[in-house]
Amino acid sequence: MTKYNDYGSAVPLSDLLNWLEDGEELAFIDIREEGLYGDSHPLLAVNVPYSLLESQFPALVPRADTRTVLLAEDTRGGERAAGRLSALGYSDIHILKGGIGAWEQAGLPLFKGVNVPYKAFAEFVEHHYRTPAIEADALARLIEQQGDYVLLDSRTVEEYDRFHVPSAISVPSAELLYRFDDLVPSPQTLVVVSCAGRTRGIIGAQTLINAGVPNRVAALSGGTQGWRLADFATVRDGNRYFQPQSDTAAQSSRQRAAKLARRYHVPHIDAATLRQWQGDENRTTYVFDVRHDDEYRRGHRADARWVPGGQLVQALDKWVGTRGSRIVLNDNDGVRAATTAHWLIQLGWQCYVLAGIDEGIRPPSRLLAPPTVPRIDAAAARQRLLNGAIGLSADRSWDYRRYHPAGTHWVNRSRLDDLPAVAGNARDILVFAEDPALAQGVVLDLSDAGFNATAVEGKRQDWLAAGLELHSSSQTPAVAQQIDFLFWLHDRHEGNAAASAAYLAWEADLPRQVGDPAKAHFTLGIADGDAGGPSNDH
């Protein structure tokens, strides 16, 4: 192995491939910017863009001595990130020798999009369980004829509020079983589950089927995108939300969740077991509260992060970066935790349910805080700009195009090697960004390179209040420079029918692209060998 400044070792691709299969903990982290990652990445790589490394990495990889492999554009980029992580206290950092080029040259598969393993998983679920679907025109007839159906939108409330299919009720995925009897009073009613595309509709519908609800259940084919492609309009008014859970729904949901947990071998633990695990310095344990956010805000365990259960199944890589770790799901009575856990287990993760809300104890961390950087307010920045300072904007490229302090040049932390062409021999550099983490990363790297750099505090309104002019730029940075933005089918929710059709086709094709689901560590089905599992084709 080749050492890089004592920060990490360059490992060959063969070592990485072995580590991905050895069952031990491994954080395989792609540190390229979001646009580069989304355009082409290995299936099991988790994205932490270098521009946000210090702010995002500790939550995703919380244990200091986790075996970690960084995937960068090249070895030099990996070396730079390894140094930053070493400064935070990480002690087992490796760099894939040759970066993404080594993966490409080996002819290994690369995938477009984000949260790809979880979207692929839903497609495998549909094939494995034969999840029923209903086409948009058939649902439209039910709506027009006021048929006996209930349409449940399984996306987040924020997504639902932006647009939804007419008559849909907002019920985020983890709430479907928990609220079922209050929303579907008759066993004769057809239950349709919708999302924006395919993933959460399939998972939501099959959750209800797996739990044994008596109704016919189907996923809306293509979700809101399929609805629009069939020339039906979504709406933004008439919002309908689930109400507080009744005693009847509480009792039936607990019974169904208990049966689901037995069938899919979902393990439960107590608080003492969790404390023991959290004291184990050789293993990583994540704790998530999967209740509704209103409940979480009213009181939660000190060691639990809030994540809607359905979003964990949809995008686990936003919150978990260490493969082989333990995941503990917490709620008040085990229903939402069990329904979420039975999917994470089939996704190949070690997942446990901790029912009951107590105080909990936040375990100590061996990680260090990121280095501090000099900061000034917007008024002081304005004066220094008048005195000849160079202004840079580290905001996301798309936000820079919308507005930025006049005269500032856009930069991305992963491209600071290009900075001399902009800054020249400037003695004073000011870095603006509405996200302080973006500015901090740029200032850290500029300072290490010998520049006198300072972060400017505040957001758009603060800059305006200080007398700074804001400009927009429709063409700068150029598309080729926008490595932090994924252009691939990005406008599918803004009326681009071709992009929507291509996206739905991409989702449906993921099983072919992945091939053997074992490559993604999926373990579909129940442990006692029921090949097909429950379905409701009746």
Protein backbone atom coordinates (compact mmCIF):
# COMPACT_ATOMS: atom_id res chain seq x y z
CA MET A 1 0.00 0.00 0.00
CA THR A 2 1.14 3.53 -0.75
CA LYS A 3 1.01 6.01 2.11
CA TYR A 4 -0.26 9.56 1.55
CA ASN A 5 1.01 12.07 4.10
CA ASP A 6 0.18 9.60 6.91
CA TYR A 7 -3.53 10.29 6.32
CA GLY A 8 -4.50 7.07 4.61
CA SER A 9 -3.41 4.27 2.36
CA ALA A 10 -4.18 3.70 -1.30
CA VAL A 11 -5.82 0.29 -1.70
CA PRO A 12 -6.24 -1.62 -4.95
CA LEU A 13 -9.68 -2.29 -6.34
CA SER A 14 -9.39 -5.98 -5.45
CA ASP A 15 -9.17 -5.11 -1.73
CA LEU A 16 -12.25 -2.90 -1.93
CA LEU A 17 -14.27 -5.59 -3.68
CA ASN A 18 -13.27 -8.13 -1.03
CA TRP A 19 -14.13 -5.73 1.78
CA LEU A 20 -17.58 -5.10 0.31
CA GLU A 21 -18.32 -8.82 0.70
CA ASP A 22 -16.55 -9.80 3.93
CA GLY A 23 -19.44 -8.86 6.23
CA GLU A 24 -17.37 -6.52 8.39
CA GLU A 25 -18.16 -2.85 8.81
CA LEU A 26 -17.17 -0.71 5.84
CA ALA A 27 -17.91 2.85 4.83
CA PHE A 28 -17.56 3.09 1.03
CA ILE A 29 -17.84 6.84 0.43
CA ASP A 30 -17.86 8.60 -2.93
CA ILE A 31 -16.56 12.13 -2.23
CA ARG A 32 -17.20 13.53 -5.70
CA GLU A 33 -19.73 16.32 -6.00
CA GLU A 34 -23.40 15.40 -6.32
CA GLY A 35 -23.63 15.93 -10.07
CA LEU A 36 -20.64 13.72 -10.81
CA TYR A 37 -21.85 11.06 -8.38
CA GLY A 38 -25.40 11.06 -9.75
CA ASP A 39 -24.20 10.78 -13.31
CA SER A 40 -22.13 7.63 -12.70
CA HIS A 41 -21.28 5.74 -9.50
CA PRO A 42 -20.89 2.21 -8.07
CA LEU A 43 -24.13 0.74 -6.74
CA LEU A 44 -23.10 0.55 -3.08
CA ALA A 45 -21.14 3.82 -2.83
CA VAL A 46 -22.59 6.47 -0.51
CA ASN A 47 -22.17 10.09 -1.54
CA VAL A 48 -20.61 12.67 0.77
CA PRO A 49 -19.47 15.52 -1.51
CA TYR A 50 -16.10 16.97 -0.62
CA SER A 51 -17.64 20.44 -0.49
CA LEU A 52 -19.64 19.33 2.60
CA LEU A 53 -17.25 16.71 3.98
CA GLU A 54 -16.88 17.92 7.57
CA SER A 55 -20.57 18.71 8.02
CA GLN A 56 -22.01 15.49 6.56
CA PHE A 57 -19.45 12.77 7.17
CA PRO A 58 -19.71 12.41 10.99
CA ALA A 59 -23.45 11.72 10.94
CA LEU A 60 -23.08 9.12 8.20
CA VAL A 61 -19.96 7.51 9.66
CA PRO A 62 -20.11 8.23 13.40
CA ARG A 63 -17.42 5.83 14.66
CA ALA A 64 -13.87 7.19 14.46
CA ASP A 65 -12.11 3.93 13.58
CA THR A 66 -14.58 2.68 10.99
CA ARG A 67 -12.83 1.02 8.06
CA THR A 68 -13.42 3.56 5.31
CA VAL A 69 -12.62 3.68 1.59
CA LEU A 70 -12.88 6.99 -0.23
CA LEU A 71 -13.75 7.07 -3.92
CA ALA A 72 -12.54 10.28 -5.54
CA GLU A 73 -12.02 11.68 -9.01
CA ASP A 74 -8.36 10.74 -8.64
CA THR A 75 -5.93 9.68 -5.94
CA ARG A 76 -4.97 13.28 -5.19
CA GLY A 77 -8.55 14.22 -4.40
CA GLY A 78 -8.82 11.23 -2.09
CA GLU A 79 -5.61 12.27 -0.33
CA ARG A 80 -6.97 15.75 0.34
CA ALA A 81 -10.21 14.36 1.83
CA ALA A 82 -8.33 11.77 3.90
CA GLY A 83 -6.35 14.59 5.48
CA ARG A 84 -9.50 16.45 6.41
CA LEU A 85 -11.05 13.33 7.94
CA SER A 86 -7.87 12.59 9.85
CA ALA A 87 -8.15 16.06 11.40
CA LEU A 88 -11.61 15.07 12.66
CA GLY A 89 -10.20 11.98 14.35
CA TYR A 90 -10.83 9.24 11.78
CA SER A 91 -8.07 6.64 11.97
CA ASP A 92 -8.78 3.92 9.38
CA ILE A 93 -9.10 5.86 6.12
CA HIS A 94 -8.17 4.31 2.78
CA ILE A 95 -8.28 5.72 -0.75
CA LEU A 96 -9.22 3.67 -3.80
CA LYS A 97 -6.06 3.70 -5.87
CA GLY A 98 -6.78 5.39 -9.19
CA GLY A 99 -10.11 6.80 -8.05
CA ILE A 100 -13.24 6.35 -10.14
CA GLY A 101 -11.02 5.62 -13.15
CA ALA A 102 -9.91 2.34 -11.59
CA TRP A 103 -13.54 1.23 -11.27
CA GLU A 104 -14.29 2.22 -14.86
CA GLN A 105 -11.19 0.55 -16.29
CA ALA A 106 -12.14 -2.71 -14.57
CA GLY A 107 -15.43 -2.68 -16.49
CA LEU A 108 -17.49 -2.73 -13.30
CA PRO A 109 -21.08 -1.42 -13.49
CA LEU A 110 -21.85 2.23 -12.86
CA PHE A 111 -25.29 3.67 -12.18
CA LYS A 112 -27.04 6.95 -12.80
CA GLY A 113 -29.34 8.62 -10.29
CA VAL A 114 -29.41 8.75 -6.51
CA ASN A 115 -30.57 6.25 -3.85
CA VAL A 116 -30.18 3.63 -6.55
CA PRO A 117 -30.03 0.49 -4.34
CA TYR A 118 -33.34 1.40 -2.74
CA LYS A 119 -35.10 2.18 -5.98
CA ALA A 120 -33.79 -1.08 -7.42
CA PHE A 121 -35.01 -2.88 -4.30
CA ALA A 122 -38.59 -1.73 -4.91
CA GLU A 123 -38.45 -3.14 -8.42
CA PHE A 124 -37.22 -6.48 -7.08
CA VAL A 125 -40.02 -6.33 -4.49
CA GLU A 126 -42.61 -5.89 -7.23
CA HIS A 127 -41.23 -8.90 -9.11
CA HIS A 128 -40.81 -11.08 -6.01
CA TYR A 129 -44.19 -10.39 -4.40
CA ARG A 130 -46.13 -9.69 -7.61
CA THR A 131 -47.33 -6.38 -6.20
CA PRO A 132 -50.58 -5.34 -7.94
CA ALA A 133 -50.75 -2.03 -9.80
CA ILE A 134 -53.54 0.14 -11.14
CA GLU A 135 -53.15 2.29 -14.23
CA ALA A 136 -53.92 6.01 -14.17
CA ASP A 137 -56.95 5.77 -16.47
CA ALA A 138 -58.56 3.10 -14.26
CA LEU A 139 -58.04 5.26 -11.17
CA ALA A 140 -59.40 8.30 -13.03
CA ARG A 141 -62.62 6.39 -13.73
CA LEU A 142 -62.96 5.50 -10.06
CA ILE A 143 -62.49 9.15 -9.11
CA GLU A 144 -65.03 10.34 -11.68
CA GLN A 145 -67.58 7.69 -10.71
CA GLN A 146 -66.95 8.19 -6.99
CA GLY A 147 -66.16 4.51 -6.66
CA ASP A 148 -65.29 2.63 -3.50
CA TYR A 149 -61.60 3.42 -3.27
CA VAL A 150 -59.14 5.28 -1.06
CA LEU A 151 -56.02 6.89 -2.52
CA LEU A 152 -53.10 7.21 -0.09
CA ASP A 153 -50.11 9.38 -1.04
CA SER A 154 -47.06 7.82 0.63
CA ARG A 155 -44.61 10.67 0.00
CA THR A 156 -43.54 13.20 2.61
CA VAL A 157 -46.05 15.91 3.53
CA GLU A 158 -43.83 18.51 1.83
CA GLU A 159 -43.92 16.61 -1.45
CA TYR A 160 -47.66 16.09 -1.18
CA ASP A 161 -48.23 19.81 -0.61
CA ARG A 162 -46.41 20.68 -3.84
CA PHE A 163 -48.77 18.55 -5.96
CA HIS A 164 -50.75 15.33 -5.77
CA VAL A 165 -53.37 13.26 -7.56
CA PRO A 166 -56.93 14.54 -6.91
CA SER A 167 -58.62 12.95 -3.86
CA ALA A 168 -55.32 11.68 -2.42
CA ILE A 169 -54.81 11.66 1.35
CA SER A 170 -51.33 12.41 2.64
CA VAL A 171 -50.06 9.36 4.56
CA PRO A 172 -46.25 9.05 4.56
CA SER A 173 -45.14 5.44 4.12
CA ALA A 174 -44.42 4.54 7.74
CA GLU A 175 -47.89 5.79 8.74
CA LEU A 176 -49.82 3.57 6.29
CA LEU A 177 -50.34 0.59 8.58
CA TYR A 178 -50.45 2.72 11.71
CA ARG A 179 -53.41 4.78 10.42
CA PHE A 180 -55.02 2.16 8.19
CA ASP A 181 -58.29 1.44 10.01
CA ASP A 182 -59.04 5.15 10.41
CA LEU A 183 -58.53 5.78 6.70
CA VAL A 184 -60.12 2.61 5.29
CA PRO A 185 -63.21 1.73 7.33
CA SER A 186 -64.54 -0.94 4.93
CA PRO A 187 -62.73 -4.16 3.95
CA GLN A 188 -64.41 -3.90 0.53
CA THR A 189 -62.67 -0.62 -0.35
CA LEU A 190 -59.89 -0.68 -2.93
CA VAL A 191 -56.75 0.89 -1.49
CA VAL A 192 -54.39 2.63 -3.92
CA VAL A 193 -50.96 3.82 -2.82
CA SER A 194 -49.22 6.54 -4.79
CA CYS A 195 -45.85 8.30 -4.78
CA ALA A 196 -43.95 10.43 -7.29
CA GLY A 197 -42.78 7.47 -9.36
CA ARG A 198 -42.65 3.79 -8.56
CA THR A 199 -40.60 3.14 -5.41
CA ARG A 200 -42.75 4.26 -2.48
CA GLY A 201 -45.98 3.25 -4.18
CA ILE A 202 -44.74 -0.31 -4.56
CA ILE A 203 -43.24 -0.46 -1.06
CA GLY A 204 -46.31 1.14 0.52
CA ALA A 205 -48.77 -1.17 -1.21
CA GLN A 206 -46.73 -4.26 -0.41
CA THR A 207 -46.36 -3.17 3.21
CA LEU A 208 -50.12 -3.30 3.64
CA ILE A 209 -50.30 -6.63 1.83
CA ASN A 210 -47.49 -8.11 3.93
CA ALA A 211 -49.28 -6.94 7.07
CA GLY A 212 -52.41 -8.81 6.04
CA VAL A 213 -54.97 -6.04 5.62
CA PRO A 214 -58.25 -7.48 4.24
CA ASN A 215 -58.58 -5.04 1.35
CA ARG A 216 -57.44 -5.24 -2.23
CA VAL A 217 -54.34 -3.04 -2.46
CA ALA A 218 -52.55 -1.70 -5.53
CA ALA A 219 -49.79 0.78 -6.33
CA LEU A 220 -50.62 3.60 -8.74
CA SER A 221 -48.53 2.79 -11.79
CA GLY A 222 -45.91 5.52 -12.19
CA GLY A 223 -47.30 7.62 -9.33
CA THR A 224 -47.81 11.31 -10.04
CA GLN A 225 -45.52 11.09 -13.08
CA GLY A 226 -47.57 8.25 -14.56
CA TRP A 227 -50.71 10.23 -13.80
CA ARG A 228 -49.43 13.26 -15.71
CA LEU A 229 -48.16 11.13 -18.59
CA ALA A 230 -51.73 9.86 -18.98
CA ASP A 231 -52.77 13.51 -19.47
CA PHE A 232 -54.39 13.92 -16.06
CA ALA A 233 -53.70 16.97 -13.93
CA THR A 234 -52.26 16.97 -10.44
CA VAL A 235 -53.58 19.48 -7.90
CA ARG A 236 -52.16 21.62 -5.13
CA ASP A 237 -55.35 22.40 -3.26
CA GLY A 238 -57.89 20.38 -1.31
CA ASN A 239 -55.13 18.99 0.90
CA ARG A 240 -56.20 16.10 3.10
CA TYR A 241 -54.15 14.70 5.96
CA PHE A 242 -54.48 11.80 8.36
CA GLN A 243 -56.00 12.59 11.75
CA PRO A 244 -54.96 11.45 15.26
CA GLN A 245 -55.04 7.68 15.60
CA SER A 246 -58.19 6.14 17.09
CA ASP A 247 -58.16 3.36 19.68
CA THR A 248 -59.48 0.93 17.08
CA ALA A 249 -56.72 1.72 14.61
CA ALA A 250 -54.12 1.55 17.38
CA GLN A 251 -55.20 -1.93 18.42
CA SER A 252 -55.45 -3.37 14.92
CA SER A 253 -52.14 -1.81 13.81
CA ARG A 254 -50.34 -3.33 16.79
CA GLN A 255 -51.79 -6.74 16.04
CA ARG A 256 -50.85 -6.58 12.36
CA ALA A 257 -47.37 -5.23 13.12
CA ALA A 258 -46.77 -8.03 15.62
CA LYS A 259 -47.76 -10.61 13.02
CA LEU A 260 -45.56 -8.88 10.44
CA ALA A 261 -42.61 -8.90 12.84
CA ARG A 262 -43.05 -12.62 13.53
CA ARG A 263 -43.38 -13.49 9.87
CA TYR A 264 -40.32 -11.52 8.81
CA HIS A 265 -38.29 -12.26 11.93
CA VAL A 266 -37.93 -8.65 13.04
CA PRO A 267 -35.93 -8.63 16.30
CA HIS A 268 -36.90 -6.41 19.24
CA ILE A 269 -34.46 -5.13 21.83
CA ASP A 270 -34.76 -3.24 25.11
CA ALA A 271 -33.09 -0.04 26.23
CA ALA A 272 -30.45 -1.92 28.23
CA THR A 273 -29.34 -3.81 25.11
CA LEU A 274 -29.07 -0.56 23.19
CA ARG A 275 -26.91 0.98 25.92
CA GLN A 276 -24.64 -2.06 25.78
CA TRP A 277 -24.31 -1.78 22.01
CA GLN A 278 -23.59 1.93 22.22
CA GLY A 279 -20.73 1.17 24.60
CA ASP A 280 -19.12 -1.18 22.07
CA GLU A 281 -16.33 0.82 20.44
CA ASN A 282 -15.87 -1.82 17.74
CA ARG A 283 -19.35 -1.59 16.23
CA THR A 284 -21.54 1.18 14.86
CA THR A 285 -25.13 1.55 16.04
CA TYR A 286 -27.52 4.04 14.43
CA VAL A 287 -30.72 5.02 16.27
CA PHE A 288 -33.65 6.54 14.36
CA ASP A 289 -37.04 7.71 15.59
CA VAL A 290 -39.50 6.85 12.81
CA ARG A 291 -42.63 8.51 14.18
CA HIS A 292 -44.33 11.56 12.71
CA ASP A 293 -42.27 14.71 13.19
CA ASP A 294 -44.91 16.32 15.44
CA GLU A 295 -44.54 13.42 17.86
CA TYR A 296 -40.76 13.61 17.71
CA ARG A 297 -40.78 17.30 18.55
CA ARG A 298 -42.96 16.67 21.60
CA GLY A 299 -40.37 14.33 23.04
CA HIS A 300 -37.78 11.77 21.90
CA ARG A 301 -34.73 9.82 22.98
CA ALA A 302 -31.59 11.94 23.21
CA ASP A 303 -29.71 9.46 21.01
CA ALA A 304 -32.34 9.18 18.25
CA ARG A 305 -32.35 11.14 15.00
CA TRP A 306 -35.74 11.75 13.39
CA VAL A 307 -36.20 10.16 9.98
CA PRO A 308 -39.59 9.13 8.54
CA GLY A 309 -39.56 5.36 8.25
CA GLY A 310 -40.60 5.38 4.61
CA GLN A 311 -37.69 7.64 3.74
CA LEU A 312 -35.24 5.20 5.31
CA VAL A 313 -36.47 2.51 2.91
CA GLN A 314 -36.45 4.98 0.02
CA ALA A 315 -33.05 6.58 0.72
CA LEU A 316 -31.16 4.90 3.55
CA ASP A 317 -27.85 6.18 2.20
CA LYS A 318 -28.81 9.71 3.27
CA TRP A 319 -28.50 8.65 6.91
CA VAL A 320 -26.40 5.47 7.07
CA GLY A 321 -22.88 5.30 5.64
CA THR A 322 -21.47 2.20 7.30
CA ARG A 323 -22.33 -1.20 5.85
CA GLY A 324 -22.46 -4.03 8.40
CA SER A 325 -23.63 -1.68 11.15
CA ARG A 326 -26.63 -2.06 13.44
CA ILE A 327 -29.77 0.03 12.87
CA VAL A 328 -32.20 0.52 15.75
CA LEU A 329 -35.65 1.95 14.98
CA ASN A 330 -37.55 3.61 17.81
CA ASP A 331 -41.21 4.54 18.17
CA ASN A 332 -43.91 4.52 20.82
CA ASP A 333 -45.46 1.09 20.26
CA GLY A 334 -43.34 -0.74 17.66
CA VAL A 335 -45.77 -0.45 14.73
CA ARG A 336 -43.96 2.02 12.52
CA ALA A 337 -40.58 0.67 13.55
CA ALA A 338 -41.55 -2.93 12.68
CA THR A 339 -43.06 -2.04 9.32
CA THR A 340 -39.88 -0.15 8.42
CA ALA A 341 -37.54 -2.80 9.85
CA HIS A 342 -39.10 -5.66 7.89
CA TRP A 343 -37.97 -3.89 4.71
CA LEU A 344 -34.51 -2.88 5.94
CA ILE A 345 -33.87 -6.50 6.89
CA GLN A 346 -34.77 -7.59 3.36
CA LEU A 347 -32.46 -4.86 2.08
CA GLY A 348 -29.69 -6.75 3.84
CA TRP A 349 -29.24 -4.64 6.99
CA GLN A 350 -29.13 -5.67 10.66
CA CYS A 351 -32.20 -3.87 11.95
CA TYR A 352 -33.88 -3.92 15.38
CA VAL A 353 -36.99 -2.42 16.97
CA LEU A 354 -36.92 -0.52 20.25
CA ALA A 355 -40.49 0.30 21.28
CA GLY A 356 -41.20 2.98 23.88
CA ILE A 357 -39.91 6.51 24.26
CA ASP A 358 -37.58 7.21 27.16
CA GLU A 359 -34.88 9.80 27.63
CA GLY A 360 -31.95 7.81 26.31
CA ILE A 361 -28.35 8.92 26.59
CA ARG A 362 -26.34 10.38 23.75
CA PRO A 363 -23.16 8.28 23.63
CA PRO A 364 -19.86 10.18 23.67
CA SER A 365 -18.03 10.64 20.39
CA ARG A 366 -14.30 10.34 19.79
CA LEU A 367 -14.56 12.67 16.81
CA LEU A 368 -13.25 16.21 16.94
CA ALA A 369 -15.03 19.37 15.88
CA PRO A 370 -14.06 20.79 12.48
CA PRO A 371 -11.41 23.53 12.59
CA THR A 372 -12.78 27.02 13.02
CA VAL A 373 -12.29 29.63 10.32
CA PRO A 374 -12.28 33.44 10.53
CA ARG A 375 -15.71 34.98 9.95
CA ILE A 376 -17.07 38.48 9.47
CA ASP A 377 -20.52 39.92 9.03
CA ALA A 378 -21.90 41.27 5.79
CA ALA A 379 -21.31 44.93 6.69
CA ALA A 380 -17.62 44.32 7.31
CA ALA A 381 -17.44 42.29 4.11
CA ARG A 382 -18.89 45.16 2.10
CA GLN A 383 -16.19 47.50 3.39
CA ARG A 384 -13.40 45.05 2.61
CA LEU A 385 -14.75 44.53 -0.90
CA LEU A 386 -14.63 48.31 -1.38
CA ASN A 387 -11.02 48.18 -0.23
CA GLY A 388 -10.09 45.64 -2.92
CA ALA A 389 -10.88 42.22 -1.45
CA ILE A 390 -11.84 39.45 -3.89
CA GLY A 391 -15.31 37.96 -3.33
CA LEU A 392 -16.10 34.31 -3.96
CA SER A 393 -19.44 32.50 -3.75
CA ALA A 394 -19.34 28.89 -2.58
CA ASP A 395 -23.11 28.45 -2.86
CA ARG A 396 -24.50 25.66 -5.00
CA SER A 397 -24.11 26.47 -8.66
CA TRP A 398 -27.84 26.66 -9.31
CA ASP A 399 -28.31 29.05 -6.39
CA TYR A 400 -25.43 31.20 -7.64
CA ARG A 401 -27.20 31.54 -10.97
CA ARG A 402 -30.31 32.79 -9.15
CA TYR A 403 -28.52 35.39 -7.04
CA HIS A 404 -25.10 36.18 -5.56
CA PRO A 405 -23.29 39.25 -4.23
CA ALA A 406 -22.30 41.40 -7.17
CA GLY A 407 -18.78 40.78 -8.39
CA THR A 408 -18.30 37.46 -6.67
CA HIS A 409 -16.90 34.51 -8.62
CA TRP A 410 -18.44 31.05 -8.20
CA VAL A 411 -16.19 28.35 -6.79
CA ASN A 412 -16.59 24.74 -5.74
CA ARG A 413 -14.33 23.28 -3.09
CA SER A 414 -13.47 20.34 -5.35
CA ARG A 415 -12.19 22.74 -8.02
CA LEU A 416 -10.06 25.16 -6.01
CA ASP A 417 -7.00 24.23 -8.04
CA ASP A 418 -8.50 26.52 -10.70
CA LEU A 419 -8.68 29.48 -8.32
CA PRO A 420 -5.43 31.31 -9.18
CA ALA A 421 -6.95 32.28 -12.51
CA VAL A 422 -9.62 34.19 -10.57
CA ALA A 423 -7.87 35.34 -7.43
CA GLY A 424 -4.40 35.95 -8.79
CA ASN A 425 -2.23 37.36 -6.00
CA ALA A 426 -5.15 38.63 -3.95
CA ARG A 427 -4.24 39.24 -0.33
CA ASP A 428 -7.82 39.23 0.93
CA ILE A 429 -10.46 36.73 -0.15
CA LEU A 430 -14.03 36.72 1.18
CA VAL A 431 -16.18 33.61 0.78
CA PHE A 432 -19.97 33.92 0.73
CA ALA A 433 -22.43 31.02 1.08
CA GLU A 434 -25.89 30.76 2.58
CA ASP A 435 -24.88 27.32 3.89
CA PRO A 436 -22.03 28.10 6.33
CA ALA A 437 -20.54 24.64 5.78
CA LEU A 438 -19.92 25.40 2.11
CA ALA A 439 -18.06 28.60 2.94
CA GLN A 440 -16.10 26.95 5.74
CA GLY A 441 -14.76 24.18 3.53
CA VAL A 442 -13.52 26.63 0.92
CA VAL A 443 -11.90 28.86 3.53
CA LEU A 444 -10.13 25.88 5.11
CA ASP A 445 -8.61 24.77 1.83
CA LEU A 446 -7.71 28.29 0.71
CA SER A 447 -5.98 28.94 4.04
CA ASP A 448 -3.96 25.75 3.68
CA ALA A 449 -2.96 26.90 0.18
CA GLY A 450 -1.57 30.15 1.60
CA PHE A 451 -4.45 32.54 0.88
CA ASN A 452 -5.86 34.97 3.43
CA ALA A 453 -9.47 33.80 3.32
CA THR A 454 -12.48 34.70 5.49
CA ALA A 455 -16.04 33.39 5.55
CA VAL A 456 -18.88 35.92 5.35
CA GLU A 457 -21.79 35.22 7.68
CA GLY A 458 -25.46 35.58 6.80
CA LYS A 459 -27.91 34.88 4.03
CA ARG A 460 -29.48 36.78 1.18
CA GLN A 461 -31.45 39.17 3.40
CA ASP A 462 -28.36 39.96 5.48
CA TRP A 463 -26.28 40.76 2.43
CA LEU A 464 -29.01 43.08 1.12
CA ALA A 465 -29.40 44.77 4.50
CA ALA A 466 -25.66 45.49 4.54
CA GLY A 467 -25.95 47.30 1.21
CA LEU A 468 -24.53 44.57 -1.01
CA GLU A 469 -26.07 44.31 -4.46
CA LEU A 470 -27.25 40.89 -5.62
CA HIS A 471 -26.95 39.82 -9.24
CA SER A 472 -28.15 36.80 -11.19
CA SER A 473 -26.40 35.00 -14.04
CA SER A 474 -28.31 32.67 -16.32
CA GLN A 475 -25.20 31.24 -18.00
CA THR A 476 -22.57 31.28 -15.25
CA PRO A 477 -21.27 28.90 -14.12
CA ALA A 478 -21.43 26.99 -17.39
CA VAL A 479 -23.24 23.67 -17.37
CA ALA A 480 -19.95 21.80 -17.70
CA GLN A 481 -18.76 23.43 -14.46
CA GLN A 482 -21.87 22.56 -12.45
CA ILE A 483 -20.48 19.40 -10.92
CA ASP A 484 -22.70 19.83 -7.87
CA PHE A 485 -25.98 19.50 -9.78
CA LEU A 486 -27.44 16.38 -11.41
CA PHE A 487 -28.95 17.40 -14.73
CA TRP A 488 -30.03 13.85 -15.64
CA LEU A 489 -33.86 13.98 -15.92
CA HIS A 490 -33.88 16.72 -13.27
CA ASP A 491 -37.02 18.43 -14.59
CA ARG A 492 -39.32 15.40 -14.58
CA HIS A 493 -41.52 16.97 -11.89
CA GLU A 494 -41.72 20.31 -13.71
CA GLY A 495 -43.74 19.14 -16.68
CA ASN A 496 -41.08 17.50 -18.87
CA ALA A 497 -43.03 14.46 -20.04
CA ALA A 498 -40.09 12.93 -21.87
CA ALA A 499 -37.98 13.10 -18.70
CA SER A 500 -40.78 11.50 -16.65
CA ALA A 501 -41.19 8.66 -19.13
CA ALA A 502 -37.45 8.08 -19.23
CA TYR A 503 -37.22 8.09 -15.45
CA LEU A 504 -40.02 5.54 -14.99
CA ALA A 505 -38.43 3.33 -17.64
CA TRP A 506 -35.09 3.64 -15.83
CA GLU A 507 -36.65 2.56 -12.53
CA ALA A 508 -38.36 -0.43 -14.12
CA ASP A 509 -35.09 -1.45 -15.78
CA LEU A 510 -33.01 -1.43 -12.59
CA PRO A 511 -33.35 -5.19 -11.92
CA ARG A 512 -31.73 -5.86 -15.30
CA GLN A 513 -28.95 -3.38 -14.55
CA VAL A 514 -28.26 -4.83 -11.10
CA GLY A 515 -28.63 -8.46 -12.17
CA ASP A 516 -28.47 -10.82 -9.22
CA PRO A 517 -30.10 -9.07 -6.22
CA ALA A 518 -27.47 -10.69 -3.99
CA LYS A 519 -24.96 -8.26 -5.54
CA ALA A 520 -26.82 -5.55 -3.66
CA HIS A 521 -27.06 -7.78 -0.54
CA PHE A 522 -30.86 -8.00 -0.84
CA THR A 523 -32.52 -10.91 1.01
CA LEU A 524 -36.08 -10.75 -0.27
CA GLY A 525 -38.71 -12.92 1.33
CA ILE A 526 -39.13 -14.40 4.78
CA ALA A 527 -36.54 -16.46 6.58
CA ASP A 528 -38.61 -19.63 6.76
CA GLY A 529 -38.51 -20.03 2.98
CA ASP A 530 -41.80 -18.72 1.59
CA ALA A 531 -40.56 -18.04 -1.95
CA GLY A 532 -43.28 -15.67 -3.01
CA GLY A 533 -44.59 -14.22 0.21
CA PRO A 534 -48.03 -12.71 0.61
CA SER A 535 -49.93 -11.20 -2.26
CA ASN A 536 -53.50 -10.07 -2.80
CA ASP A 537 -54.28 -10.84 -6.38
CA HIS A 538 -57.92 -11.48 -5.39
